[in-house]
């Protein structure tokens, strides 16, 4: 299992770099070319949300993006360190997790960004708590052909 970790200052101009790195690693991992735009958009939304939360809460720590490649899927985790009250996470029909509908959004949270991510990614889980939040997304990969 290959892992790439990217840390960047919570500045909007670094989101583009995160998108480019995610797309390059996804391509190498075997994510279908037709899905790479969705990967870029989803990572951009997740990173923009994390940057916004860091700015809103005055968090100086960097935003963390972890890209994980295994045999059957490619996963991306975008983590922020913005503290907020713990919200329940509920699984969706496709196995993803979303904040419980009865939970109000914390200050600085971008519910529209979460809606965009949920529309782009079939397998997504969103969690948040006192130590920050995490958006975990994954896509299936196609194994590389074996050459003789």
C-alpha atoms as a PDB file:
ATOM      1  CA  UNK A   1       0.000   0.000   0.000  1.00  0.00           C
ATOM      2  CA  UNK A   2       1.487   3.337  -1.101  1.00  0.00           C
ATOM      3  CA  UNK A   3       0.778   6.517   0.824  1.00  0.00           C
ATOM      4  CA  UNK A   4       1.496  10.148   0.017  1.00  0.00           C
ATOM      5  CA  UNK A   5       0.992  12.840   2.654  1.00  0.00           C
ATOM      6  CA  UNK A   6       0.662  16.504   1.766  1.00  0.00           C
ATOM      7  CA  UNK A   7       0.693  19.286   4.366  1.00  0.00           C
ATOM      8  CA  UNK A   8      -0.033  22.860   3.342  1.00  0.00           C
ATOM      9  CA  UNK A   9      -0.637  26.211   5.010  1.00  0.00           C
ATOM     10  CA  UNK A  10      -4.314  27.110   5.202  1.00  0.00           C
ATOM     11  CA  UNK A  11      -4.184  29.473   2.236  1.00  0.00           C
ATOM     12  CA  UNK A  12      -6.574  29.256  -0.733  1.00  0.00           C
ATOM     13  CA  UNK A  13      -3.723  29.358  -3.263  1.00  0.00           C
ATOM     14  CA  UNK A  14      -2.457  25.973  -2.029  1.00  0.00           C
ATOM     15  CA  UNK A  15      -5.736  24.202  -2.849  1.00  0.00           C
ATOM     16  CA  UNK A  16      -4.817  24.070  -6.549  1.00  0.00           C
ATOM     17  CA  UNK A  17      -1.569  22.287  -5.717  1.00  0.00           C
ATOM     18  CA  UNK A  18      -3.462  19.717  -3.635  1.00  0.00           C
ATOM     19  CA  UNK A  19      -5.836  19.117  -6.566  1.00  0.00           C
ATOM     20  CA  UNK A  20      -2.961  18.580  -8.996  1.00  0.00           C
ATOM     21  CA  UNK A  21      -1.111  16.212  -6.659  1.00  0.00           C
ATOM     22  CA  UNK A  22      -4.295  14.220  -5.963  1.00  0.00           C
ATOM     23  CA  UNK A  23      -5.046  13.822  -9.679  1.00  0.00           C
ATOM     24  CA  UNK A  24      -1.480  12.719 -10.442  1.00  0.00           C
ATOM     25  CA  UNK A  25      -1.443  10.129  -7.659  1.00  0.00           C
ATOM     26  CA  UNK A  26      -4.953   8.932  -8.581  1.00  0.00           C
ATOM     27  CA  UNK A  27      -3.873   8.421 -12.190  1.00  0.00           C
ATOM     28  CA  UNK A  28      -0.814   6.436 -11.066  1.00  0.00           C
ATOM     29  CA  UNK A  29      -3.006   4.377  -8.702  1.00  0.00           C
ATOM     30  CA  UNK A  30      -5.227   3.273 -11.597  1.00  0.00           C
ATOM     31  CA  UNK A  31      -8.283   5.485 -11.162  1.00  0.00           C
ATOM     32  CA  UNK A  32     -10.199   5.629 -14.441  1.00  0.00           C
ATOM     33  CA  UNK A  33      -9.299   8.684 -16.569  1.00  0.00           C
ATOM     34  CA  UNK A  34     -12.986   9.586 -16.859  1.00  0.00           C
ATOM     35  CA  UNK A  35     -13.165  10.016 -13.061  1.00  0.00           C
ATOM     36  CA  UNK A  36     -10.066  12.192 -12.598  1.00  0.00           C
ATOM     37  CA  UNK A  37     -12.029  15.438 -12.976  1.00  0.00           C
ATOM     38  CA  UNK A  38     -14.316  14.286 -10.166  1.00  0.00           C
ATOM     39  CA  UNK A  39     -11.271  13.531  -8.002  1.00  0.00           C
ATOM     40  CA  UNK A  40      -9.879  17.016  -8.669  1.00  0.00           C
ATOM     41  CA  UNK A  41     -13.196  18.721  -7.900  1.00  0.00           C
ATOM     42  CA  UNK A  42     -13.857  16.684  -4.742  1.00  0.00           C
ATOM     43  CA  UNK A  43     -10.352  17.323  -3.394  1.00  0.00           C
ATOM     44  CA  UNK A  44     -10.677  21.008  -4.220  1.00  0.00           C
ATOM     45  CA  UNK A  45     -13.966  21.249  -2.315  1.00  0.00           C
ATOM     46  CA  UNK A  46     -12.631  19.320   0.682  1.00  0.00           C
ATOM     47  CA  UNK A  47      -9.420  21.360   0.845  1.00  0.00           C
ATOM     48  CA  UNK A  48     -11.263  24.671   0.395  1.00  0.00           C
ATOM     49  CA  UNK A  49     -13.564  23.678   3.242  1.00  0.00           C
ATOM     50  CA  UNK A  50     -10.596  22.797   5.477  1.00  0.00           C
ATOM     51  CA  UNK A  51      -8.862  26.089   4.638  1.00  0.00           C
ATOM     52  CA  UNK A  52     -12.055  28.007   5.448  1.00  0.00           C
ATOM     53  CA  UNK A  53     -12.439  26.223   8.775  1.00  0.00           C
ATOM     54  CA  UNK A  54      -8.820  26.887   9.723  1.00  0.00           C
ATOM     55  CA  UNK A  55      -9.198  30.582   8.892  1.00  0.00           C
ATOM     56  CA  UNK A  56     -12.566  30.885  10.694  1.00  0.00           C
ATOM     57  CA  UNK A  57     -11.218  29.231  13.856  1.00  0.00           C
ATOM     58  CA  UNK A  58      -7.771  30.839  13.787  1.00  0.00           C
ATOM     59  CA  UNK A  59      -5.963  27.503  13.453  1.00  0.00           C
ATOM     60  CA  UNK A  60      -2.302  27.875  12.480  1.00  0.00           C
ATOM     61  CA  UNK A  61      -1.681  24.156  11.852  1.00  0.00           C
ATOM     62  CA  UNK A  62      -1.441  22.986   8.236  1.00  0.00           C
ATOM     63  CA  UNK A  63      -4.233  21.221   6.373  1.00  0.00           C
ATOM     64  CA  UNK A  64      -3.432  17.510   5.904  1.00  0.00           C
ATOM     65  CA  UNK A  65      -4.173  15.514   2.771  1.00  0.00           C
ATOM     66  CA  UNK A  66      -3.347  11.801   2.743  1.00  0.00           C
ATOM     67  CA  UNK A  67      -3.503   9.857  -0.525  1.00  0.00           C
ATOM     68  CA  UNK A  68      -3.680   6.086  -0.056  1.00  0.00           C
ATOM     69  CA  UNK A  69      -3.306   3.572  -2.850  1.00  0.00           C
ATOM     70  CA  UNK A  70      -4.149  -0.084  -2.296  1.00  0.00           C
ATOM     71  CA  UNK A  71      -5.020  -3.007  -4.556  1.00  0.00           C
ATOM     72  CA  UNK A  72      -8.706  -2.240  -5.065  1.00  0.00           C
ATOM     73  CA  UNK A  73      -9.234   1.433  -4.285  1.00  0.00           C
ATOM     74  CA  UNK A  74      -7.664   4.855  -4.065  1.00  0.00           C
ATOM     75  CA  UNK A  75      -8.533   6.900  -0.970  1.00  0.00           C
ATOM     76  CA  UNK A  76      -8.055  10.525  -0.033  1.00  0.00           C
ATOM     77  CA  UNK A  77      -8.359  11.900   3.477  1.00  0.00           C
ATOM     78  CA  UNK A  78      -8.557  15.662   4.021  1.00  0.00           C
ATOM     79  CA  UNK A  79      -8.184  16.620   7.679  1.00  0.00           C
ATOM     80  CA  UNK A  80      -8.592  19.920   9.452  1.00  0.00           C
ATOM     81  CA  UNK A  81      -7.786  20.873  13.045  1.00  0.00           C
ATOM     82  CA  UNK A  82     -10.704  23.275  13.537  1.00  0.00           C
ATOM     83  CA  UNK A  83     -12.420  22.402  16.823  1.00  0.00           C
ATOM     84  CA  UNK A  84     -16.190  22.102  16.873  1.00  0.00           C
ATOM     85  CA  UNK A  85     -18.791  20.204  18.847  1.00  0.00           C
ATOM     86  CA  UNK A  86     -18.923  16.526  17.970  1.00  0.00           C
ATOM     87  CA  UNK A  87     -21.641  15.801  15.426  1.00  0.00           C
ATOM     88  CA  UNK A  88     -23.115  12.399  14.796  1.00  0.00           C
ATOM     89  CA  UNK A  89     -22.178  10.697  11.561  1.00  0.00           C
ATOM     90  CA  UNK A  90     -24.730   8.625   9.718  1.00  0.00           C
ATOM     91  CA  UNK A  91     -24.063   6.218   6.864  1.00  0.00           C
ATOM     92  CA  UNK A  92     -25.772   6.853   3.555  1.00  0.00           C
ATOM     93  CA  UNK A  93     -27.308   4.204   1.336  1.00  0.00           C
ATOM     94  CA  UNK A  94     -23.993   3.726  -0.450  1.00  0.00           C
ATOM     95  CA  UNK A  95     -22.006   3.312   2.778  1.00  0.00           C
ATOM     96  CA  UNK A  96     -20.775   6.868   3.085  1.00  0.00           C
ATOM     97  CA  UNK A  97     -21.179   8.936   6.214  1.00  0.00           C
ATOM     98  CA  UNK A  98     -22.747  12.356   6.414  1.00  0.00           C
ATOM     99  CA  UNK A  99     -23.474  14.632   9.350  1.00  0.00           C
ATOM    100  CA  UNK A 100     -26.829  13.808  10.904  1.00  0.00           C
ATOM    101  CA  UNK A 101     -29.508  16.117   9.453  1.00  0.00           C
ATOM    102  CA  UNK A 102     -30.657  17.286  12.878  1.00  0.00           C
ATOM    103  CA  UNK A 103     -27.182  18.632  13.676  1.00  0.00           C
ATOM    104  CA  UNK A 104     -26.733  22.322  12.813  1.00  0.00           C
ATOM    105  CA  UNK A 105     -23.625  23.267  10.879  1.00  0.00           C
ATOM    106  CA  UNK A 106     -20.854  24.753  13.007  1.00  0.00           C
ATOM    107  CA  UNK A 107     -19.652  28.286  12.263  1.00  0.00           C
ATOM    108  CA  UNK A 108     -17.525  28.268   9.131  1.00  0.00           C
ATOM    109  CA  UNK A 109     -18.775  24.899   7.905  1.00  0.00           C
ATOM    110  CA  UNK A 110     -19.513  24.728   4.186  1.00  0.00           C
ATOM    111  CA  UNK A 111     -22.603  22.555   3.736  1.00  0.00           C
ATOM    112  CA  UNK A 112     -22.687  23.353   0.009  1.00  0.00           C
ATOM    113  CA  UNK A 113     -19.146  21.974  -0.333  1.00  0.00           C
ATOM    114  CA  UNK A 114     -20.224  18.768   1.415  1.00  0.00           C
ATOM    115  CA  UNK A 115     -23.189  18.492  -0.944  1.00  0.00           C
ATOM    116  CA  UNK A 116     -20.894  18.866  -3.957  1.00  0.00           C
ATOM    117  CA  UNK A 117     -18.504  16.229  -2.586  1.00  0.00           C
ATOM    118  CA  UNK A 118     -21.384  13.833  -1.903  1.00  0.00           C
ATOM    119  CA  UNK A 119     -22.579  14.295  -5.487  1.00  0.00           C
ATOM    120  CA  UNK A 120     -19.122  13.581  -6.907  1.00  0.00           C
ATOM    121  CA  UNK A 121     -17.989  10.682  -4.732  1.00  0.00           C
ATOM    122  CA  UNK A 122     -19.922   7.458  -4.158  1.00  0.00           C
ATOM    123  CA  UNK A 123     -17.832   6.418  -1.152  1.00  0.00           C
ATOM    124  CA  UNK A 124     -17.465   9.376   1.231  1.00  0.00           C
ATOM    125  CA  UNK A 125     -17.417   9.703   5.014  1.00  0.00           C
ATOM    126  CA  UNK A 126     -17.448  12.978   6.944  1.00  0.00           C
ATOM    127  CA  UNK A 127     -16.621  13.160  10.643  1.00  0.00           C
ATOM    128  CA  UNK A 128     -16.025  16.095  12.965  1.00  0.00           C
ATOM    129  CA  UNK A 129     -15.259  16.615  16.613  1.00  0.00           C
ATOM    130  CA  UNK A 130     -13.421  18.692  19.179  1.00  0.00           C
ATOM    131  CA  UNK A 131     -10.029  17.954  17.615  1.00  0.00           C
ATOM    132  CA  UNK A 132     -11.066  18.688  14.027  1.00  0.00           C
ATOM    133  CA  UNK A 133     -12.716  17.025  11.073  1.00  0.00           C
ATOM    134  CA  UNK A 134     -11.973  14.465   8.398  1.00  0.00           C
ATOM    135  CA  UNK A 135     -13.391  13.859   4.941  1.00  0.00           C
ATOM    136  CA  UNK A 136     -12.515  10.399   3.629  1.00  0.00           C
ATOM    137  CA  UNK A 137     -13.239   9.666  -0.052  1.00  0.00           C
ATOM    138  CA  UNK A 138     -12.393   6.655  -2.190  1.00  0.00           C
ATOM    139  CA  UNK A 139     -12.637   5.499  -5.787  1.00  0.00           C
ATOM    140  CA  UNK A 140     -12.157   2.051  -7.349  1.00  0.00           C
ATOM    141  CA  UNK A 141      -8.963   1.375  -9.255  1.00  0.00           C
ATOM    142  CA  UNK A 142      -8.248  -0.741 -12.299  1.00  0.00           C
ATOM    143  CA  UNK A 143      -5.274  -3.039 -11.871  1.00  0.00           C
ATOM    144  CA  UNK A 144      -2.397  -2.400 -14.249  1.00  0.00           C
ATOM    145  CA  UNK A 145      -2.110  -5.044 -16.980  1.00  0.00           C
ATOM    146  CA  UNK A 146       0.566  -7.642 -16.443  1.00  0.00           C
ATOM    147  CA  UNK A 147       3.142  -7.468 -19.208  1.00  0.00           C
ATOM    148  CA  UNK A 148       4.921 -10.632 -20.379  1.00  0.00           C
END
